[in-house]
Protein backbone atom coordinates (compact mmCIF):
# COMPACT_ATOMS: atom_id res chain seq x y z
CA UNK A 1 0.00 0.00 0.00
CA UNK A 2 1.29 3.46 -0.84
CA UNK A 3 0.25 6.76 0.63
CA UNK A 4 0.63 10.01 -1.23
CA UNK A 5 -1.19 13.28 -1.49
CA UNK A 6 -3.69 13.91 -4.27
CA UNK A 7 -1.56 16.76 -5.66
CA UNK A 8 1.44 14.43 -5.96
CA UNK A 9 -0.65 11.83 -7.77
CA UNK A 10 -1.98 14.44 -10.19
CA UNK A 11 1.60 15.60 -10.90
CA UNK A 12 2.72 12.02 -11.57
CA UNK A 13 -0.30 10.89 -13.56
CA UNK A 14 0.81 12.20 -16.99
CA UNK A 15 4.05 10.22 -16.65
CA UNK A 16 2.48 6.79 -16.04
CA UNK A 17 3.12 4.43 -18.96
CA UNK A 18 2.78 1.02 -17.32
CA UNK A 19 -0.15 -0.82 -15.80
CA UNK A 20 -0.51 -4.20 -14.17
CA UNK A 21 2.05 -5.62 -11.78
CA UNK A 22 4.78 -3.14 -12.81
CA UNK A 23 2.71 -0.06 -11.92
CA UNK A 24 3.92 -0.02 -8.30
CA UNK A 25 7.63 0.07 -9.13
CA UNK A 26 7.03 2.75 -11.77
CA UNK A 27 5.16 4.88 -9.23
CA UNK A 28 8.02 4.48 -6.75
CA UNK A 29 10.67 5.44 -9.34
CA UNK A 30 8.64 8.45 -10.50
CA UNK A 31 8.24 9.66 -6.94
CA UNK A 32 12.00 9.44 -6.42
CA UNK A 33 12.81 11.20 -9.71
CA UNK A 34 10.27 13.94 -8.98
CA UNK A 35 11.58 14.27 -5.39
CA UNK A 36 8.20 13.53 -3.83
CA UNK A 37 7.53 12.03 -0.43
CA UNK A 38 5.82 8.67 -0.37
CA UNK A 39 5.09 6.20 2.38
CA UNK A 40 4.89 2.51 1.61
CA UNK A 41 3.10 0.43 4.22
CA UNK A 42 3.51 -3.35 4.06
CA UNK A 43 0.22 -5.21 4.40
CA UNK A 44 0.30 -8.89 5.33
CA UNK A 45 -2.92 -10.86 5.47
CA UNK A 46 -2.45 -14.04 7.44
CA UNK A 47 -4.92 -16.24 9.24
CA UNK A 48 -5.90 -15.22 12.73
CA UNK A 49 -6.10 -11.56 13.65
CA UNK A 50 -6.39 -10.00 10.20
CA UNK A 51 -9.01 -7.51 11.29
CA UNK A 52 -7.00 -6.12 14.20
CA UNK A 53 -3.79 -6.04 12.20
CA UNK A 54 -5.31 -4.32 9.17
CA UNK A 55 -7.08 -1.81 11.45
CA UNK A 56 -3.76 -0.84 13.03
CA UNK A 57 -2.27 -0.37 9.56
CA UNK A 58 -5.18 1.86 8.49
CA UNK A 59 -4.75 3.95 11.64
CA UNK A 60 -1.04 4.31 10.84
CA UNK A 61 -1.89 5.25 7.26
CA UNK A 62 -4.38 7.92 8.36
CA UNK A 63 -1.83 9.35 10.77
CA UNK A 64 0.92 9.37 8.12
CA UNK A 65 -1.26 11.12 5.53
CA UNK A 66 -2.64 13.75 7.90
PDB file of N, CA and C in Angstrom:
ATOM      1  N   UNK A   1       0.845  -1.156   0.000  1.00  0.00           N
ATOM      2  CA  UNK A   1       0.000   0.000   0.000  1.00  0.00           C
ATOM      3  C   UNK A   1       0.896   1.226   0.000  1.00  0.00           C
ATOM      4  N   UNK A   2       0.523   2.224  -0.778  1.00  0.00           N
ATOM      5  CA  UNK A   2       1.288   3.462  -0.837  1.00  0.00           C
ATOM      6  C   UNK A   2       0.403   4.624  -0.438  1.00  0.00           C
ATOM      7  N   UNK A   3       0.990   5.584   0.202  1.00  0.00           N
ATOM      8  CA  UNK A   3       0.254   6.762   0.634  1.00  0.00           C
ATOM      9  C   UNK A   3       0.910   7.996   0.036  1.00  0.00           C
ATOM     10  N   UNK A   4       0.128   8.761  -0.697  1.00  0.00           N
ATOM     11  CA  UNK A   4       0.633  10.012  -1.231  1.00  0.00           C
ATOM     12  C   UNK A   4      -0.510  11.000  -1.329  1.00  0.00           C
ATOM     13  N   UNK A   5      -0.170  12.234  -1.422  1.00  0.00           N
ATOM     14  CA  UNK A   5      -1.194  13.278  -1.493  1.00  0.00           C
ATOM     15  C   UNK A   5      -1.774  13.349  -2.904  1.00  0.00           C
ATOM     16  N   UNK A   6      -2.993  13.814  -2.977  1.00  0.00           N
ATOM     17  CA  UNK A   6      -3.686  13.914  -4.268  1.00  0.00           C
ATOM     18  C   UNK A   6      -2.894  14.772  -5.263  1.00  0.00           C
ATOM     19  N   UNK A   7      -2.323  15.878  -4.782  1.00  0.00           N
ATOM     20  CA  UNK A   7      -1.560  16.761  -5.661  1.00  0.00           C
ATOM     21  C   UNK A   7      -0.365  16.027  -6.269  1.00  0.00           C
ATOM     22  N   UNK A   8       0.294  15.202  -5.464  1.00  0.00           N
ATOM     23  CA  UNK A   8       1.438  14.435  -5.963  1.00  0.00           C
ATOM     24  C   UNK A   8       0.993  13.439  -7.029  1.00  0.00           C
ATOM     25  N   UNK A   9      -0.132  12.774  -6.782  1.00  0.00           N
ATOM     26  CA  UNK A   9      -0.648  11.831  -7.773  1.00  0.00           C
ATOM     27  C   UNK A   9      -0.998  12.534  -9.077  1.00  0.00           C
ATOM     28  N   UNK A  10      -1.624  13.692  -8.977  1.00  0.00           N
ATOM     29  CA  UNK A  10      -1.978  14.437 -10.188  1.00  0.00           C
ATOM     30  C   UNK A  10      -0.737  14.894 -10.944  1.00  0.00           C
ATOM     31  N   UNK A  11       0.343  15.229 -10.236  1.00  0.00           N
ATOM     32  CA  UNK A  11       1.599  15.600 -10.897  1.00  0.00           C
ATOM     33  C   UNK A  11       2.236  14.406 -11.610  1.00  0.00           C
ATOM     34  N   UNK A  12       2.116  13.228 -10.996  1.00  0.00           N
ATOM     35  CA  UNK A  12       2.725  12.019 -11.570  1.00  0.00           C
ATOM     36  C   UNK A  12       1.905  11.424 -12.712  1.00  0.00           C
ATOM     37  N   UNK A  13       0.612  11.589 -12.658  1.00  0.00           N
ATOM     38  CA  UNK A  13      -0.305  10.890 -13.558  1.00  0.00           C
ATOM     39  C   UNK A  13       0.052  10.995 -15.044  1.00  0.00           C
ATOM     40  N   UNK A  14       0.471  12.150 -15.562  1.00  0.00           N
ATOM     41  CA  UNK A  14       0.810  12.201 -16.993  1.00  0.00           C
ATOM     42  C   UNK A  14       2.026  11.355 -17.378  1.00  0.00           C
ATOM     43  N   UNK A  15       2.821  10.968 -16.381  1.00  0.00           N
ATOM     44  CA  UNK A  15       4.053  10.218 -16.654  1.00  0.00           C
ATOM     45  C   UNK A  15       3.883   8.706 -16.564  1.00  0.00           C
ATOM     46  N   UNK A  16       2.717   8.230 -16.144  1.00  0.00           N
ATOM     47  CA  UNK A  16       2.482   6.794 -16.040  1.00  0.00           C
ATOM     48  C   UNK A  16       2.382   6.178 -17.433  1.00  0.00           C
ATOM     49  N   UNK A  17       3.145   5.119 -17.664  1.00  0.00           N
ATOM     50  CA  UNK A  17       3.118   4.432 -18.961  1.00  0.00           C
ATOM     51  C   UNK A  17       2.861   2.943 -18.808  1.00  0.00           C
ATOM     52  N   UNK A  18       2.867   2.450 -17.578  1.00  0.00           N
ATOM     53  CA  UNK A  18       2.779   1.018 -17.321  1.00  0.00           C
ATOM     54  C   UNK A  18       1.564   0.743 -16.457  1.00  0.00           C
ATOM     55  N   UNK A  19       0.910  -0.396 -16.699  1.00  0.00           N
ATOM     56  CA  UNK A  19      -0.153  -0.825 -15.801  1.00  0.00           C
ATOM     57  C   UNK A  19       0.134  -2.263 -15.378  1.00  0.00           C
ATOM     58  N   UNK A  20      -0.730  -2.830 -14.624  1.00  0.00           N
ATOM     59  CA  UNK A  20      -0.513  -4.205 -14.175  1.00  0.00           C
ATOM     60  C   UNK A  20       0.453  -4.274 -13.018  1.00  0.00           C
ATOM     61  N   UNK A  21       1.185  -5.363 -12.940  1.00  0.00           N
ATOM     62  CA  UNK A  21       2.046  -5.616 -11.784  1.00  0.00           C
ATOM     63  C   UNK A  21       3.274  -4.702 -11.724  1.00  0.00           C
ATOM     64  N   UNK A  22       3.610  -4.026 -12.811  1.00  0.00           N
ATOM     65  CA  UNK A  22       4.782  -3.143 -12.807  1.00  0.00           C
ATOM     66  C   UNK A  22       4.418  -1.697 -12.478  1.00  0.00           C
ATOM     67  N   UNK A  23       3.129  -1.428 -12.238  1.00  0.00           N
ATOM     68  CA  UNK A  23       2.714  -0.064 -11.924  1.00  0.00           C
ATOM     69  C   UNK A  23       3.330   0.429 -10.619  1.00  0.00           C
ATOM     70  N   UNK A  24       3.354  -0.408  -9.598  1.00  0.00           N
ATOM     71  CA  UNK A  24       3.915  -0.015  -8.300  1.00  0.00           C
ATOM     72  C   UNK A  24       5.366   0.426  -8.376  1.00  0.00           C
ATOM     73  N   UNK A  25       6.242  -0.379  -9.001  1.00  0.00           N
ATOM     74  CA  UNK A  25       7.634   0.067  -9.133  1.00  0.00           C
ATOM     75  C   UNK A  25       7.777   1.356  -9.943  1.00  0.00           C
ATOM     76  N   UNK A  26       6.943   1.522 -10.993  1.00  0.00           N
ATOM     77  CA  UNK A  26       7.032   2.754 -11.767  1.00  0.00           C
ATOM     78  C   UNK A  26       6.621   3.952 -10.910  1.00  0.00           C
ATOM     79  N   UNK A  27       5.584   3.792 -10.105  1.00  0.00           N
ATOM     80  CA  UNK A  27       5.160   4.880  -9.233  1.00  0.00           C
ATOM     81  C   UNK A  27       6.267   5.235  -8.246  1.00  0.00           C
ATOM     82  N   UNK A  28       6.938   4.234  -7.700  1.00  0.00           N
ATOM     83  CA  UNK A  28       8.020   4.482  -6.747  1.00  0.00           C
ATOM     84  C   UNK A  28       9.184   5.217  -7.427  1.00  0.00           C
ATOM     85  N   UNK A  29       9.564   4.785  -8.618  1.00  0.00           N
ATOM     86  CA  UNK A  29      10.669   5.437  -9.343  1.00  0.00           C
ATOM     87  C   UNK A  29      10.298   6.871  -9.696  1.00  0.00           C
ATOM     88  N   UNK A  30       9.074   7.092 -10.173  1.00  0.00           N
ATOM     89  CA  UNK A  30       8.643   8.451 -10.500  1.00  0.00           C
ATOM     90  C   UNK A  30       8.665   9.350  -9.269  1.00  0.00           C
ATOM     91  N   UNK A  31       8.236   8.832  -8.148  1.00  0.00           N
ATOM     92  CA  UNK A  31       8.239   9.657  -6.935  1.00  0.00           C
ATOM     93  C   UNK A  31       9.662  10.037  -6.531  1.00  0.00           C
ATOM     94  N   UNK A  32      10.597   9.131  -6.736  1.00  0.00           N
ATOM     95  CA  UNK A  32      12.002   9.441  -6.417  1.00  0.00           C
ATOM     96  C   UNK A  32      12.547  10.467  -7.394  1.00  0.00           C
ATOM     97  N   UNK A  33      12.303  10.265  -8.694  1.00  0.00           N
ATOM     98  CA  UNK A  33      12.809  11.197  -9.710  1.00  0.00           C
ATOM     99  C   UNK A  33      12.204  12.591  -9.561  1.00  0.00           C
ATOM    100  N   UNK A  34      10.949  12.649  -9.134  1.00  0.00           N
ATOM    101  CA  UNK A  34      10.267  13.937  -8.977  1.00  0.00           C
ATOM    102  C   UNK A  34      10.432  14.505  -7.570  1.00  0.00           C
ATOM    103  N   UNK A  35      11.265  13.828  -6.752  1.00  0.00           N
ATOM    104  CA  UNK A  35      11.584  14.269  -5.388  1.00  0.00           C
ATOM    105  C   UNK A  35      10.319  14.471  -4.543  1.00  0.00           C
ATOM    106  N   UNK A  36       9.437  13.498  -4.610  1.00  0.00           N
ATOM    107  CA  UNK A  36       8.200  13.532  -3.829  1.00  0.00           C
ATOM    108  C   UNK A  36       8.330  12.608  -2.629  1.00  0.00           C
ATOM    109  N   UNK A  37       7.567  12.903  -1.603  1.00  0.00           N
ATOM    110  CA  UNK A  37       7.535  12.034  -0.432  1.00  0.00           C
ATOM    111  C   UNK A  37       6.459  10.982  -0.644  1.00  0.00           C
ATOM    112  N   UNK A  38       6.782   9.751  -0.279  1.00  0.00           N
ATOM    113  CA  UNK A  38       5.815   8.675  -0.368  1.00  0.00           C
ATOM    114  C   UNK A  38       6.064   7.720   0.776  1.00  0.00           C
ATOM    115  N   UNK A  39       4.997   7.182   1.309  1.00  0.00           N
ATOM    116  CA  UNK A  39       5.088   6.197   2.378  1.00  0.00           C
ATOM    117  C   UNK A  39       4.573   4.885   1.827  1.00  0.00           C
ATOM    118  N   UNK A  40       5.346   3.835   2.005  1.00  0.00           N
ATOM    119  CA  UNK A  40       4.890   2.506   1.609  1.00  0.00           C
ATOM    120  C   UNK A  40       4.677   1.691   2.869  1.00  0.00           C
ATOM    121  N   UNK A  41       3.460   1.175   3.024  1.00  0.00           N
ATOM    122  CA  UNK A  41       3.099   0.425   4.216  1.00  0.00           C
ATOM    123  C   UNK A  41       2.891  -1.032   3.832  1.00  0.00           C
ATOM    124  N   UNK A  42       3.701  -1.940   4.384  1.00  0.00           N
ATOM    125  CA  UNK A  42       3.506  -3.354   4.063  1.00  0.00           C
ATOM    126  C   UNK A  42       2.216  -3.880   4.682  1.00  0.00           C
ATOM    127  N   UNK A  43       1.466  -4.628   3.916  1.00  0.00           N
ATOM    128  CA  UNK A  43       0.215  -5.213   4.400  1.00  0.00           C
ATOM    129  C   UNK A  43       0.320  -6.718   4.238  1.00  0.00           C
ATOM    130  N   UNK A  44       0.250  -7.426   5.345  1.00  0.00           N
ATOM    131  CA  UNK A  44       0.296  -8.885   5.332  1.00  0.00           C
ATOM    132  C   UNK A  44      -1.037  -9.414   5.839  1.00  0.00           C
ATOM    133  N   UNK A  45      -1.677 -10.247   5.056  1.00  0.00           N
ATOM    134  CA  UNK A  45      -2.918 -10.863   5.468  1.00  0.00           C
ATOM    135  C   UNK A  45      -2.649 -12.333   5.754  1.00  0.00           C
ATOM    136  N   UNK A  46      -2.661 -12.658   7.027  1.00  0.00           N
ATOM    137  CA  UNK A  46      -2.452 -14.043   7.444  1.00  0.00           C
ATOM    138  C   UNK A  46      -3.658 -14.485   8.249  1.00  0.00           C
ATOM    139  N   UNK A  47      -3.781 -15.754   8.460  1.00  0.00           N
ATOM    140  CA  UNK A  47      -4.921 -16.238   9.242  1.00  0.00           C
ATOM    141  C   UNK A  47      -4.787 -15.779  10.687  1.00  0.00           C
ATOM    142  N   UNK A  48      -5.916 -15.632  11.326  1.00  0.00           N
ATOM    143  CA  UNK A  48      -5.898 -15.216  12.726  1.00  0.00           C
ATOM    144  C   UNK A  48      -6.475 -13.839  12.904  1.00  0.00           C
ATOM    145  N   UNK A  49      -5.634 -12.891  13.266  1.00  0.00           N
ATOM    146  CA  UNK A  49      -6.102 -11.561  13.651  1.00  0.00           C
ATOM    147  C   UNK A  49      -5.980 -10.562  12.505  1.00  0.00           C
ATOM    148  N   UNK A  50      -6.494 -10.913  11.339  1.00  0.00           N
ATOM    149  CA  UNK A  50      -6.387 -10.000  10.196  1.00  0.00           C
ATOM    150  C   UNK A  50      -7.080  -8.671  10.466  1.00  0.00           C
ATOM    151  N   UNK A  51      -8.247  -8.736  11.075  1.00  0.00           N
ATOM    152  CA  UNK A  51      -9.010  -7.509  11.287  1.00  0.00           C
ATOM    153  C   UNK A  51      -8.251  -6.528  12.175  1.00  0.00           C
ATOM    154  N   UNK A  52      -7.743  -7.012  13.303  1.00  0.00           N
ATOM    155  CA  UNK A  52      -7.000  -6.124  14.204  1.00  0.00           C
ATOM    156  C   UNK A  52      -5.746  -5.589  13.537  1.00  0.00           C
ATOM    157  N   UNK A  53      -5.029  -6.451  12.844  1.00  0.00           N
ATOM    158  CA  UNK A  53      -3.786  -6.045  12.203  1.00  0.00           C
ATOM    159  C   UNK A  53      -4.050  -5.011  11.113  1.00  0.00           C
ATOM    160  N   UNK A  54      -5.040  -5.254  10.256  1.00  0.00           N
ATOM    161  CA  UNK A  54      -5.305  -4.318   9.174  1.00  0.00           C
ATOM    162  C   UNK A  54      -5.841  -2.997   9.732  1.00  0.00           C
ATOM    163  N   UNK A  55      -6.595  -3.054  10.832  1.00  0.00           N
ATOM    164  CA  UNK A  55      -7.083  -1.806  11.449  1.00  0.00           C
ATOM    165  C   UNK A  55      -5.919  -0.964  11.940  1.00  0.00           C
ATOM    166  N   UNK A  56      -4.933  -1.583  12.563  1.00  0.00           N
ATOM    167  CA  UNK A  56      -3.759  -0.836  13.027  1.00  0.00           C
ATOM    168  C   UNK A  56      -3.025  -0.207  11.849  1.00  0.00           C
ATOM    169  N   UNK A  57      -2.946  -0.912  10.727  1.00  0.00           N
ATOM    170  CA  UNK A  57      -2.268  -0.366   9.556  1.00  0.00           C
ATOM    171  C   UNK A  57      -3.049   0.811   8.977  1.00  0.00           C
ATOM    172  N   UNK A  58      -4.387   0.738   8.983  1.00  0.00           N
ATOM    173  CA  UNK A  58      -5.183   1.862   8.494  1.00  0.00           C
ATOM    174  C   UNK A  58      -5.028   3.069   9.405  1.00  0.00           C
ATOM    175  N   UNK A  59      -4.958   2.842  10.709  1.00  0.00           N
ATOM    176  CA  UNK A  59      -4.749   3.946  11.644  1.00  0.00           C
ATOM    177  C   UNK A  59      -3.392   4.587  11.378  1.00  0.00           C
ATOM    178  N   UNK A  60      -2.379   3.782  11.155  1.00  0.00           N
ATOM    179  CA  UNK A  60      -1.042   4.308  10.845  1.00  0.00           C
ATOM    180  C   UNK A  60      -1.073   5.088   9.530  1.00  0.00           C
ATOM    181  N   UNK A  61      -1.794   4.588   8.546  1.00  0.00           N
ATOM    182  CA  UNK A  61      -1.892   5.254   7.260  1.00  0.00           C
ATOM    183  C   UNK A  61      -2.586   6.610   7.399  1.00  0.00           C
ATOM    184  N   UNK A  62      -3.686   6.649   8.151  1.00  0.00           N
ATOM    185  CA  UNK A  62      -4.385   7.924   8.358  1.00  0.00           C
ATOM    186  C   UNK A  62      -3.491   8.926   9.061  1.00  0.00           C
ATOM    187  N   UNK A  63      -2.728   8.459  10.043  1.00  0.00           N
ATOM    188  CA  UNK A  63      -1.827   9.348  10.774  1.00  0.00           C
ATOM    189  C   UNK A  63      -0.726   9.865   9.856  1.00  0.00           C
ATOM    190  N   UNK A  64      -0.180   8.999   9.005  1.00  0.00           N
ATOM    191  CA  UNK A  64       0.919   9.375   8.123  1.00  0.00           C
ATOM    192  C   UNK A  64       0.472  10.368   7.057  1.00  0.00           C
ATOM    193  N   UNK A  65      -0.766  10.246   6.610  1.00  0.00           N
ATOM    194  CA  UNK A  65      -1.255  11.117   5.532  1.00  0.00           C
ATOM    195  C   UNK A  65      -1.883  12.405   6.049  1.00  0.00           C
ATOM    196  N   UNK A  66      -1.990  12.537   7.335  1.00  0.00           N
ATOM    197  CA  UNK A  66      -2.642  13.747   7.899  1.00  0.00           C
ATOM    198  C   UNK A  66      -1.763  14.965   7.774  1.00  0.00           C
TER     199      UNK A  66
END
